[in-house]
PDB file of N, CA and C in Angstrom:
ATOM      1  N   MET A   1      18.549  -2.335  25.725  1.00  0.00           N
ATOM      2  CA  MET A   1      18.425  -1.107  24.977  1.00  0.00           C
ATOM      3  C   MET A   1      17.381  -1.305  23.876  1.00  0.00           C
ATOM      4  N   PRO A   2      16.467  -0.382  23.689  1.00  0.00           N
ATOM      5  CA  PRO A   2      15.416  -0.557  22.677  1.00  0.00           C
ATOM      6  C   PRO A   2      15.948  -0.365  21.257  1.00  0.00           C
ATOM      7  N   VAL A   3      15.199  -0.874  20.318  1.00  0.00           N
ATOM      8  CA  VAL A   3      15.541  -0.730  18.908  1.00  0.00           C
ATOM      9  C   VAL A   3      15.409   0.736  18.516  1.00  0.00           C
ATOM     10  N   VAL A   4      16.372   1.231  17.745  1.00  0.00           N
ATOM     11  CA  VAL A   4      16.353   2.619  17.286  1.00  0.00           C
ATOM     12  C   VAL A   4      15.951   2.646  15.816  1.00  0.00           C
ATOM     13  N   PHE A   5      14.926   3.418  15.507  1.00  0.00           N
ATOM     14  CA  PHE A   5      14.483   3.634  14.130  1.00  0.00           C
ATOM     15  C   PHE A   5      14.855   5.073  13.783  1.00  0.00           C
ATOM     16  N   THR A   6      15.796   5.242  12.863  1.00  0.00           N
ATOM     17  CA  THR A   6      16.333   6.559  12.539  1.00  0.00           C
ATOM     18  C   THR A   6      15.753   7.081  11.238  1.00  0.00           C
ATOM     19  N   ALA A   7      15.073   8.218  11.315  1.00  0.00           N
ATOM     20  CA  ALA A   7      14.550   8.872  10.111  1.00  0.00           C
ATOM     21  C   ALA A   7      15.682   9.669   9.480  1.00  0.00           C
ATOM     22  N   ARG A   8      15.884   9.476   8.194  1.00  0.00           N
ATOM     23  CA  ARG A   8      16.949  10.164   7.469  1.00  0.00           C
ATOM     24  C   ARG A   8      16.383  11.362   6.711  1.00  0.00           C
ATOM     25  N   PRO A   9      17.231  12.333   6.364  1.00  0.00           N
ATOM     26  CA  PRO A   9      16.752  13.523   5.644  1.00  0.00           C
ATOM     27  C   PRO A   9      16.087  13.197   4.304  1.00  0.00           C
ATOM     28  N   ASP A  10      16.491  12.088   3.678  1.00  0.00           N
ATOM     29  CA  ASP A  10      15.901  11.715   2.385  1.00  0.00           C
ATOM     30  C   ASP A  10      14.550  11.019   2.531  1.00  0.00           C
ATOM     31  N   GLY A  11      14.067  10.868   3.774  1.00  0.00           N
ATOM     32  CA  GLY A  11      12.767  10.262   4.009  1.00  0.00           C
ATOM     33  C   GLY A  11      12.816   8.782   4.329  1.00  0.00           C
ATOM     34  N   ALA A  12      13.990   8.166   4.235  1.00  0.00           N
ATOM     35  CA  ALA A  12      14.127   6.745   4.549  1.00  0.00           C
ATOM     36  C   ALA A  12      14.244   6.551   6.062  1.00  0.00           C
ATOM     37  N   VAL A  13      13.974   5.324   6.508  1.00  0.00           N
ATOM     38  CA  VAL A  13      14.103   4.958   7.916  1.00  0.00           C
ATOM     39  C   VAL A  13      15.099   3.812   8.000  1.00  0.00           C
ATOM     40  N   ARG A  14      16.097   3.937   8.867  1.00  0.00           N
ATOM     41  CA  ARG A  14      17.095   2.885   9.057  1.00  0.00           C
ATOM     42  C   ARG A  14      16.943   2.252  10.429  1.00  0.00           C
ATOM     43  N   PHE A  15      17.233   0.935  10.474  1.00  0.00           N
ATOM     44  CA  PHE A  15      17.191   0.202  11.730  1.00  0.00           C
ATOM     45  C   PHE A  15      18.028  -1.057  11.594  1.00  0.00           C
ATOM     46  N   ALA A  16      18.436  -1.615  12.725  1.00  0.00           N
ATOM     47  CA  ALA A  16      19.270  -2.815  12.744  1.00  0.00           C
ATOM     48  C   ALA A  16      18.397  -4.056  12.893  1.00  0.00           C
ATOM     49  N   VAL A  17      18.806  -5.125  12.214  1.00  0.00           N
ATOM     50  CA  VAL A  17      18.121  -6.411  12.353  1.00  0.00           C
ATOM     51  C   VAL A  17      19.143  -7.488  12.682  1.00  0.00           C
ATOM     52  N   ARG A  18      18.686  -8.517  13.340  1.00  0.00           N
ATOM     53  CA  ARG A  18      19.484  -9.719  13.623  1.00  0.00           C
ATOM     54  C   ARG A  18      18.767 -10.857  12.917  1.00  0.00           C
ATOM     55  N   VAL A  19      19.457 -11.519  11.999  1.00  0.00           N
ATOM     56  CA  VAL A  19      18.849 -12.549  11.164  1.00  0.00           C
ATOM     57  C   VAL A  19      19.124 -13.928  11.737  1.00  0.00           C
ATOM     58  N   GLN A  20      18.090 -14.760  11.771  1.00  0.00           N
ATOM     59  CA  GLN A  20      18.249 -16.161  12.132  1.00  0.00           C
ATOM     60  C   GLN A  20      17.906 -16.991  10.901  1.00  0.00           C
ATOM     61  N   PRO A  21      18.934 -17.440  10.154  1.00  0.00           N
ATOM     62  CA  PRO A  21      18.682 -18.246   8.958  1.00  0.00           C
ATOM     63  C   PRO A  21      18.292 -19.674   9.319  1.00  0.00           C
ATOM     64  N   ARG A  22      17.789 -20.397   8.328  1.00  0.00           N
ATOM     65  CA  ARG A  22      17.391 -21.808   8.474  1.00  0.00           C
ATOM     66  C   ARG A  22      16.364 -22.005   9.583  1.00  0.00           C
ATOM     67  N   SER A  23      15.467 -21.073   9.726  1.00  0.00           N
ATOM     68  CA  SER A  23      14.423 -21.169  10.743  1.00  0.00           C
ATOM     69  C   SER A  23      13.229 -21.932  10.180  1.00  0.00           C
ATOM     70  N   SER A  24      12.464 -22.549  11.046  1.00  0.00           N
ATOM     71  CA  SER A  24      11.255 -23.247  10.596  1.00  0.00           C
ATOM     72  C   SER A  24      10.150 -22.259  10.229  1.00  0.00           C
ATOM     73  N   ARG A  25      10.262 -21.019  10.720  1.00  0.00           N
ATOM     74  CA  ARG A  25       9.283 -19.981  10.400  1.00  0.00           C
ATOM     75  C   ARG A  25       9.996 -18.810   9.735  1.00  0.00           C
ATOM     76  N   ALA A  26       9.280 -18.099   8.904  1.00  0.00           N
ATOM     77  CA  ALA A  26       9.794 -16.859   8.322  1.00  0.00           C
ATOM     78  C   ALA A  26       8.924 -15.734   8.859  1.00  0.00           C
ATOM     79  N   CYS A  27       9.500 -14.905   9.743  1.00  0.00           N
ATOM     80  CA  CYS A  27       8.695 -13.865  10.378  1.00  0.00           C
ATOM     81  C   CYS A  27       9.576 -12.848  11.085  1.00  0.00           C
ATOM     82  N   VAL A  28       8.968 -11.734  11.446  1.00  0.00           N
ATOM     83  CA  VAL A  28       9.592 -10.780  12.357  1.00  0.00           C
ATOM     84  C   VAL A  28       9.270 -11.292  13.752  1.00  0.00           C
ATOM     85  N   ASP A  29      10.299 -11.445  14.582  1.00  0.00           N
ATOM     86  CA  ASP A  29      10.120 -12.101  15.873  1.00  0.00           C
ATOM     87  C   ASP A  29      10.506 -11.196  17.044  1.00  0.00           C
ATOM     88  N   GLY A  30      10.070  -9.944  16.992  1.00  0.00           N
ATOM     89  CA  GLY A  30      10.276  -9.043  18.115  1.00  0.00           C
ATOM     90  C   GLY A  30      11.669  -8.457  18.194  1.00  0.00           C
ATOM     91  N   GLU A  31      12.025  -8.027  19.391  1.00  0.00           N
ATOM     92  CA  GLU A  31      13.310  -7.371  19.625  1.00  0.00           C
ATOM     93  C   GLU A  31      14.348  -8.373  20.099  1.00  0.00           C
ATOM     94  N   HIS A  32      15.595  -8.110  19.743  1.00  0.00           N
ATOM     95  CA  HIS A  32      16.745  -8.876  20.223  1.00  0.00           C
ATOM     96  C   HIS A  32      17.796  -7.842  20.603  1.00  0.00           C
ATOM     97  N   GLY A  33      17.792  -7.418  21.856  1.00  0.00           N
ATOM     98  CA  GLY A  33      18.669  -6.327  22.268  1.00  0.00           C
ATOM     99  C   GLY A  33      18.233  -5.039  21.590  1.00  0.00           C
ATOM    100  N   ASP A  34      19.140  -4.450  20.812  1.00  0.00           N
ATOM    101  CA  ASP A  34      18.809  -3.206  20.110  1.00  0.00           C
ATOM    102  C   ASP A  34      18.541  -3.443  18.628  1.00  0.00           C
ATOM    103  N   THR A  35      18.150  -4.672  18.290  1.00  0.00           N
ATOM    104  CA  THR A  35      17.839  -5.013  16.899  1.00  0.00           C
ATOM    105  C   THR A  35      16.463  -5.659  16.802  1.00  0.00           C
ATOM    106  N   VAL A  36      15.941  -5.707  15.592  1.00  0.00           N
ATOM    107  CA  VAL A  36      14.709  -6.444  15.303  1.00  0.00           C
ATOM    108  C   VAL A  36      15.134  -7.839  14.856  1.00  0.00           C
ATOM    109  N   ARG A  37      14.580  -8.887  15.462  1.00  0.00           N
ATOM    110  CA  ARG A  37      14.930 -10.253  15.066  1.00  0.00           C
ATOM    111  C   ARG A  37      14.055 -10.660  13.883  1.00  0.00           C
ATOM    112  N   VAL A  38      14.702 -11.171  12.836  1.00  0.00           N
ATOM    113  CA  VAL A  38      13.998 -11.652  11.651  1.00  0.00           C
ATOM    114  C   VAL A  38      14.408 -13.096  11.412  1.00  0.00           C
ATOM    115  N   ARG A  39      13.435 -13.983  11.382  1.00  0.00           N
ATOM    116  CA  ARG A  39      13.689 -15.403  11.097  1.00  0.00           C
ATOM    117  C   ARG A  39      13.364 -15.666   9.629  1.00  0.00           C
ATOM    118  N   VAL A  40      14.250 -16.430   8.960  1.00  0.00           N
ATOM    119  CA  VAL A  40      14.040 -16.761   7.552  1.00  0.00           C
ATOM    120  C   VAL A  40      14.317 -18.238   7.320  1.00  0.00           C
ATOM    121  N   HIS A  41      13.668 -18.803   6.296  1.00  0.00           N
ATOM    122  CA  HIS A  41      13.861 -20.206   5.949  1.00  0.00           C
ATOM    123  C   HIS A  41      15.222 -20.461   5.311  1.00  0.00           C
ATOM    124  N   ALA A  42      15.670 -19.564   4.461  1.00  0.00           N
ATOM    125  CA  ALA A  42      16.854 -19.781   3.628  1.00  0.00           C
ATOM    126  C   ALA A  42      18.140 -19.861   4.442  1.00  0.00           C
ATOM    127  N   ALA A  43      19.080 -20.618   3.896  1.00  0.00           N
ATOM    128  CA  ALA A  43      20.428 -20.667   4.452  1.00  0.00           C
ATOM    129  C   ALA A  43      21.194 -19.441   3.954  1.00  0.00           C
ATOM    130  N   PRO A  44      22.220 -19.036   4.688  1.00  0.00           N
ATOM    131  CA  PRO A  44      22.991 -17.865   4.263  1.00  0.00           C
ATOM    132  C   PRO A  44      23.976 -18.211   3.139  1.00  0.00           C
ATOM    133  N   VAL A  45      23.423 -18.628   2.008  1.00  0.00           N
ATOM    134  CA  VAL A  45      24.232 -19.037   0.859  1.00  0.00           C
ATOM    135  C   VAL A  45      23.743 -18.291  -0.375  1.00  0.00           C
ATOM    136  N   ASP A  46      24.659 -17.686  -1.109  1.00  0.00           N
ATOM    137  CA  ASP A  46      24.351 -16.998  -2.369  1.00  0.00           C
ATOM    138  C   ASP A  46      23.252 -15.939  -2.225  1.00  0.00           C
ATOM    139  N   GLY A  47      23.192 -15.268  -1.094  1.00  0.00           N
ATOM    140  CA  GLY A  47      22.224 -14.185  -0.910  1.00  0.00           C
ATOM    141  C   GLY A  47      20.798 -14.634  -0.643  1.00  0.00           C
ATOM    142  N   GLY A  48      20.587 -15.931  -0.463  1.00  0.00           N
ATOM    143  CA  GLY A  48      19.231 -16.432  -0.229  1.00  0.00           C
ATOM    144  C   GLY A  48      18.603 -15.881   1.035  1.00  0.00           C
ATOM    145  N   ALA A  49      19.369 -15.840   2.113  1.00  0.00           N
ATOM    146  CA  ALA A  49      18.833 -15.316   3.373  1.00  0.00           C
ATOM    147  C   ALA A  49      18.560 -13.816   3.256  1.00  0.00           C
ATOM    148  N   ASN A  50      19.416 -13.089   2.554  1.00  0.00           N
ATOM    149  CA  ASN A  50      19.195 -11.648   2.374  1.00  0.00           C
ATOM    150  C   ASN A  50      17.901 -11.390   1.615  1.00  0.00           C
ATOM    151  N   ALA A  51      17.661 -12.162   0.566  1.00  0.00           N
ATOM    152  CA  ALA A  51      16.423 -12.007  -0.204  1.00  0.00           C
ATOM    153  C   ALA A  51      15.214 -12.309   0.673  1.00  0.00           C
ATOM    154  N   ASP A  52      15.323 -13.338   1.515  1.00  0.00           N
ATOM    155  CA  ASP A  52      14.224 -13.670   2.422  1.00  0.00           C
ATOM    156  C   ASP A  52      13.989 -12.562   3.451  1.00  0.00           C
ATOM    157  N   VAL A  53      15.063 -11.968   3.972  1.00  0.00           N
ATOM    158  CA  VAL A  53      14.926 -10.877   4.944  1.00  0.00           C
ATOM    159  C   VAL A  53      14.138  -9.729   4.324  1.00  0.00           C
ATOM    160  N   ILE A  54      14.496  -9.363   3.109  1.00  0.00           N
ATOM    161  CA  ILE A  54      13.796  -8.275   2.423  1.00  0.00           C
ATOM    162  C   ILE A  54      12.332  -8.633   2.213  1.00  0.00           C
ATOM    163  N   ALA A  55      12.058  -9.872   1.805  1.00  0.00           N
ATOM    164  CA  ALA A  55      10.675 -10.299   1.569  1.00  0.00           C
ATOM    165  C   ALA A  55       9.860 -10.298   2.860  1.00  0.00           C
ATOM    166  N   VAL A  56      10.426 -10.814   3.943  1.00  0.00           N
ATOM    167  CA  VAL A  56       9.713 -10.868   5.225  1.00  0.00           C
ATOM    168  C   VAL A  56       9.413  -9.456   5.731  1.00  0.00           C
ATOM    169  N   LEU A  57      10.402  -8.572   5.661  1.00  0.00           N
ATOM    170  CA  LEU A  57      10.187  -7.206   6.140  1.00  0.00           C
ATOM    171  C   LEU A  57       9.210  -6.442   5.255  1.00  0.00           C
ATOM    172  N   ALA A  58       9.303  -6.610   3.942  1.00  0.00           N
ATOM    173  CA  ALA A  58       8.364  -5.932   3.041  1.00  0.00           C
ATOM    174  C   ALA A  58       6.937  -6.375   3.337  1.00  0.00           C
ATOM    175  N   ASP A  59       6.755  -7.669   3.588  1.00  0.00           N
ATOM    176  CA  ASP A  59       5.426  -8.185   3.905  1.00  0.00           C
ATOM    177  C   ASP A  59       4.929  -7.622   5.243  1.00  0.00           C
ATOM    178  N   ALA A  60       5.794  -7.624   6.258  1.00  0.00           N
ATOM    179  CA  ALA A  60       5.397  -7.125   7.578  1.00  0.00           C
ATOM    180  C   ALA A  60       5.088  -5.628   7.552  1.00  0.00           C
ATOM    181  N   LEU A  61       5.816  -4.894   6.718  1.00  0.00           N
ATOM    182  CA  LEU A  61       5.625  -3.442   6.637  1.00  0.00           C
ATOM    183  C   LEU A  61       4.567  -3.039   5.621  1.00  0.00           C
ATOM    184  N   ASP A  62       4.115  -4.003   4.825  1.00  0.00           N
ATOM    185  CA  ASP A  62       3.124  -3.753   3.769  1.00  0.00           C
ATOM    186  C   ASP A  62       3.633  -2.712   2.768  1.00  0.00           C
ATOM    187  N   VAL A  63       4.879  -2.933   2.313  1.00  0.00           N
ATOM    188  CA  VAL A  63       5.490  -2.096   1.277  1.00  0.00           C
ATOM    189  C   VAL A  63       6.061  -3.021   0.203  1.00  0.00           C
ATOM    190  N   PRO A  64       6.291  -2.514  -1.006  1.00  0.00           N
ATOM    191  CA  PRO A  64       6.927  -3.340  -2.032  1.00  0.00           C
ATOM    192  C   PRO A  64       8.366  -3.687  -1.637  1.00  0.00           C
ATOM    193  N   LYS A  65       8.847  -4.836  -2.102  1.00  0.00           N
ATOM    194  CA  LYS A  65      10.215  -5.249  -1.794  1.00  0.00           C
ATOM    195  C   LYS A  65      11.241  -4.220  -2.260  1.00  0.00           C
ATOM    196  N   ARG A  66      10.942  -3.500  -3.325  1.00  0.00           N
ATOM    197  CA  ARG A  66      11.897  -2.500  -3.833  1.00  0.00           C
ATOM    198  C   ARG A  66      12.100  -1.348  -2.844  1.00  0.00           C
ATOM    199  N   ASP A  67      11.196  -1.189  -1.870  1.00  0.00           N
ATOM    200  CA  ASP A  67      11.308  -0.116  -0.879  1.00  0.00           C
ATOM    201  C   ASP A  67      12.105  -0.520   0.360  1.00  0.00           C
ATOM    202  N   VAL A  68      12.615  -1.757   0.381  1.00  0.00           N
ATOM    203  CA  VAL A  68      13.420  -2.248   1.498  1.00  0.00           C
ATOM    204  C   VAL A  68      14.787  -2.642   0.943  1.00  0.00           C
ATOM    205  N   ARG A  69      15.852  -2.142   1.576  1.00  0.00           N
ATOM    206  CA  ARG A  69      17.181  -2.533   1.099  1.00  0.00           C
ATOM    207  C   ARG A  69      18.144  -2.702   2.260  1.00  0.00           C
ATOM    208  N   ILE A  70      19.146  -3.551   2.047  1.00  0.00           N
ATOM    209  CA  ILE A  70      20.192  -3.771   3.037  1.00  0.00           C
ATOM    210  C   ILE A  70      21.273  -2.725   2.810  1.00  0.00           C
ATOM    211  N   VAL A  71      21.540  -1.933   3.841  1.00  0.00           N
ATOM    212  CA  VAL A  71      22.540  -0.872   3.756  1.00  0.00           C
ATOM    213  C   VAL A  71      23.918  -1.419   4.107  1.00  0.00           C
ATOM    214  N   SER A  72      23.985  -2.254   5.136  1.00  0.00           N
ATOM    215  CA  SER A  72      25.256  -2.864   5.522  1.00  0.00           C
ATOM    216  C   SER A  72      24.995  -4.221   6.159  1.00  0.00           C
ATOM    217  N   GLY A  73      26.022  -5.069   6.121  1.00  0.00           N
ATOM    218  CA  GLY A  73      25.917  -6.385   6.728  1.00  0.00           C
ATOM    219  C   GLY A  73      25.486  -7.474   5.775  1.00  0.00           C
ATOM    220  N   ASP A  74      25.795  -7.335   4.487  1.00  0.00           N
ATOM    221  CA  ASP A  74      25.393  -8.345   3.495  1.00  0.00           C
ATOM    222  C   ASP A  74      25.792  -9.759   3.890  1.00  0.00           C
ATOM    223  N   THR A  75      26.947  -9.919   4.529  1.00  0.00           N
ATOM    224  CA  THR A  75      27.429 -11.261   4.856  1.00  0.00           C
ATOM    225  C   THR A  75      27.405 -11.542   6.354  1.00  0.00           C
ATOM    226  N   ALA A  76      26.704 -10.727   7.119  1.00  0.00           N
ATOM    227  CA  ALA A  76      26.652 -10.897   8.572  1.00  0.00           C
ATOM    228  C   ALA A  76      25.220 -11.146   9.032  1.00  0.00           C
ATOM    229  N   ARG A  77      25.085 -11.699  10.225  1.00  0.00           N
ATOM    230  CA  ARG A  77      23.744 -11.885  10.795  1.00  0.00           C
ATOM    231  C   ARG A  77      23.130 -10.558  11.194  1.00  0.00           C
ATOM    232  N   GLN A  78      23.959  -9.639  11.649  1.00  0.00           N
ATOM    233  CA  GLN A  78      23.451  -8.319  12.021  1.00  0.00           C
ATOM    234  C   GLN A  78      23.583  -7.398  10.816  1.00  0.00           C
ATOM    235  N   LYS A  79      22.481  -6.752  10.449  1.00  0.00           N
ATOM    236  CA  LYS A  79      22.420  -5.914   9.262  1.00  0.00           C
ATOM    237  C   LYS A  79      21.758  -4.585   9.603  1.00  0.00           C
ATOM    238  N   VAL A  80      22.005  -3.602   8.767  1.00  0.00           N
ATOM    239  CA  VAL A  80      21.275  -2.340   8.841  1.00  0.00           C
ATOM    240  C   VAL A  80      20.424  -2.271   7.589  1.00  0.00           C
ATOM    241  N   LEU A  81      19.129  -2.069   7.778  1.00  0.00           N
ATOM    242  CA  LEU A  81      18.202  -1.980   6.656  1.00  0.00           C
ATOM    243  C   LEU A  81      17.606  -0.597   6.563  1.00  0.00           C
ATOM    244  N   GLU A  82      17.115  -0.290   5.375  1.00  0.00           N
ATOM    245  CA  GLU A  82      16.508   1.008   5.110  1.00  0.00           C
ATOM    246  C   GLU A  82      15.176   0.780   4.409  1.00  0.00           C
ATOM    247  N   VAL A  83      14.170   1.528   4.838  1.00  0.00           N
ATOM    248  CA  VAL A  83      12.832   1.444   4.255  1.00  0.00           C
ATOM    249  C   VAL A  83      12.421   2.839   3.812  1.00  0.00           C
ATOM    250  N   VAL A  84      11.864   2.939   2.616  1.00  0.00           N
ATOM    251  CA  VAL A  84      11.341   4.227   2.150  1.00  0.00           C
ATOM    252  C   VAL A  84       9.820   4.143   2.088  1.00  0.00           C
ATOM    253  N   GLY A  85       9.173   5.281   2.247  1.00  0.00           N
ATOM    254  CA  GLY A  85       7.722   5.341   2.121  1.00  0.00           C
ATOM    255  C   GLY A  85       6.956   5.281   3.423  1.00  0.00           C
ATOM    256  N   LEU A  86       7.661   5.129   4.558  1.00  0.00           N
ATOM    257  CA  LEU A  86       7.004   5.093   5.866  1.00  0.00           C
ATOM    258  C   LEU A  86       7.765   5.985   6.837  1.00  0.00           C
ATOM    259  N   THR A  87       7.081   6.450   7.864  1.00  0.00           N
ATOM    260  CA  THR A  87       7.749   7.200   8.928  1.00  0.00           C
ATOM    261  C   THR A  87       8.392   6.223   9.907  1.00  0.00           C
ATOM    262  N   ALA A  88       9.293   6.731  10.734  1.00  0.00           N
ATOM    263  CA  ALA A  88       9.935   5.893  11.746  1.00  0.00           C
ATOM    264  C   ALA A  88       8.893   5.312  12.707  1.00  0.00           C
ATOM    265  N   ASP A  89       7.899   6.116  13.079  1.00  0.00           N
ATOM    266  CA  ASP A  89       6.848   5.628  13.982  1.00  0.00           C
ATOM    267  C   ASP A  89       6.025   4.522  13.333  1.00  0.00           C
ATOM    268  N   ALA A  90       5.751   4.642  12.042  1.00  0.00           N
ATOM    269  CA  ALA A  90       4.981   3.611  11.337  1.00  0.00           C
ATOM    270  C   ALA A  90       5.773   2.313  11.244  1.00  0.00           C
ATOM    271  N   VAL A  91       7.073   2.410  10.984  1.00  0.00           N
ATOM    272  CA  VAL A  91       7.914   1.207  10.913  1.00  0.00           C
ATOM    273  C   VAL A  91       7.923   0.513  12.264  1.00  0.00           C
ATOM    274  N   ARG A  92       8.126   1.280  13.333  1.00  0.00           N
ATOM    275  CA  ARG A  92       8.130   0.696  14.683  1.00  0.00           C
ATOM    276  C   ARG A  92       6.795   0.012  14.988  1.00  0.00           C
ATOM    277  N   ALA A  93       5.697   0.683  14.696  1.00  0.00           N
ATOM    278  CA  ALA A  93       4.372   0.133  15.006  1.00  0.00           C
ATOM    279  C   ALA A  93       4.097  -1.155  14.236  1.00  0.00           C
ATOM    280  N   ARG A  94       4.561  -1.238  12.993  1.00  0.00           N
ATOM    281  CA  ARG A  94       4.289  -2.430  12.186  1.00  0.00           C
ATOM    282  C   ARG A  94       5.204  -3.595  12.535  1.00  0.00           C
ATOM    283  N   LEU A  95       6.432  -3.305  12.942  1.00  0.00           N
ATOM    284  CA  LEU A  95       7.371  -4.383  13.263  1.00  0.00           C
ATOM    285  C   LEU A  95       7.305  -4.814  14.716  1.00  0.00           C
ATOM    286  N   LEU A  96       7.035  -3.879  15.604  1.00  0.00           N
ATOM    287  CA  LEU A  96       7.047  -4.171  17.039  1.00  0.00           C
ATOM    288  C   LEU A  96       5.762  -3.683  17.688  1.00  0.00           C
ATOM    289  N   PRO A  97       4.635  -4.300  17.350  1.00  0.00           N
ATOM    290  CA  PRO A  97       3.370  -3.848  17.937  1.00  0.00           C
ATOM    291  C   PRO A  97       3.384  -4.042  19.449  1.00  0.00           C
ATOM    292  N   THR A  98       2.802  -3.097  20.141  1.00  0.00           N
ATOM    293  CA  THR A  98       2.737  -3.213  21.592  1.00  0.00           C
ATOM    294  C   THR A  98       1.636  -4.196  21.961  1.00  0.00           C
ATOM    295  N   PRO A  99       1.899  -5.066  22.931  1.00  0.00           N
ATOM    296  CA  PRO A  99       0.873  -6.029  23.330  1.00  0.00           C
ATOM    297  C   PRO A  99      -0.305  -5.327  23.993  1.00  0.00           C
ATOM    298  N   LEU A 100      -1.474  -5.877  23.784  1.00  0.00           N
ATOM    299  CA  LEU A 100      -2.675  -5.325  24.418  1.00  0.00           C
ATOM    300  C   LEU A 100      -2.659  -5.668  25.894  1.00  0.00           C
ATOM    301  N   SER A 101      -2.953  -4.678  26.725  1.00  0.00           N
ATOM    302  CA  SER A 101      -3.019  -4.952  28.157  1.00  0.00           C
ATOM    303  C   SER A 101      -4.411  -5.480  28.483  1.00  0.00           C
ATOM    304  N   GLY A 102      -4.443  -6.465  29.339  1.00  0.00           N
ATOM    305  CA  GLY A 102      -5.690  -7.142  29.589  1.00  0.00           C
ATOM    306  C   GLY A 102      -6.369  -6.713  30.790  1.00  0.00           C
TER     307      GLY A 102
END
């Protein structure tokens, strides 16, 4: 099932992510079922991984960290995040670029 990017009436976009903490790389790593996979360096201790998730997504989306927030899943690997300032199509394009056909 593809990742769903939901545009909300307030202009925010929500989507699900699956976090892989303690990774050697910090990056958005494509789709994982119906979620976006995000790899982070930090361990899931004292909110370190959550802070890294926000930083990685803000960088990938080219928005300030204050425009990305965790809506649910603070203590789980699967989270729902919200981004303001972009359309659902823009979020999808920046996080899950389509590969170039050769």
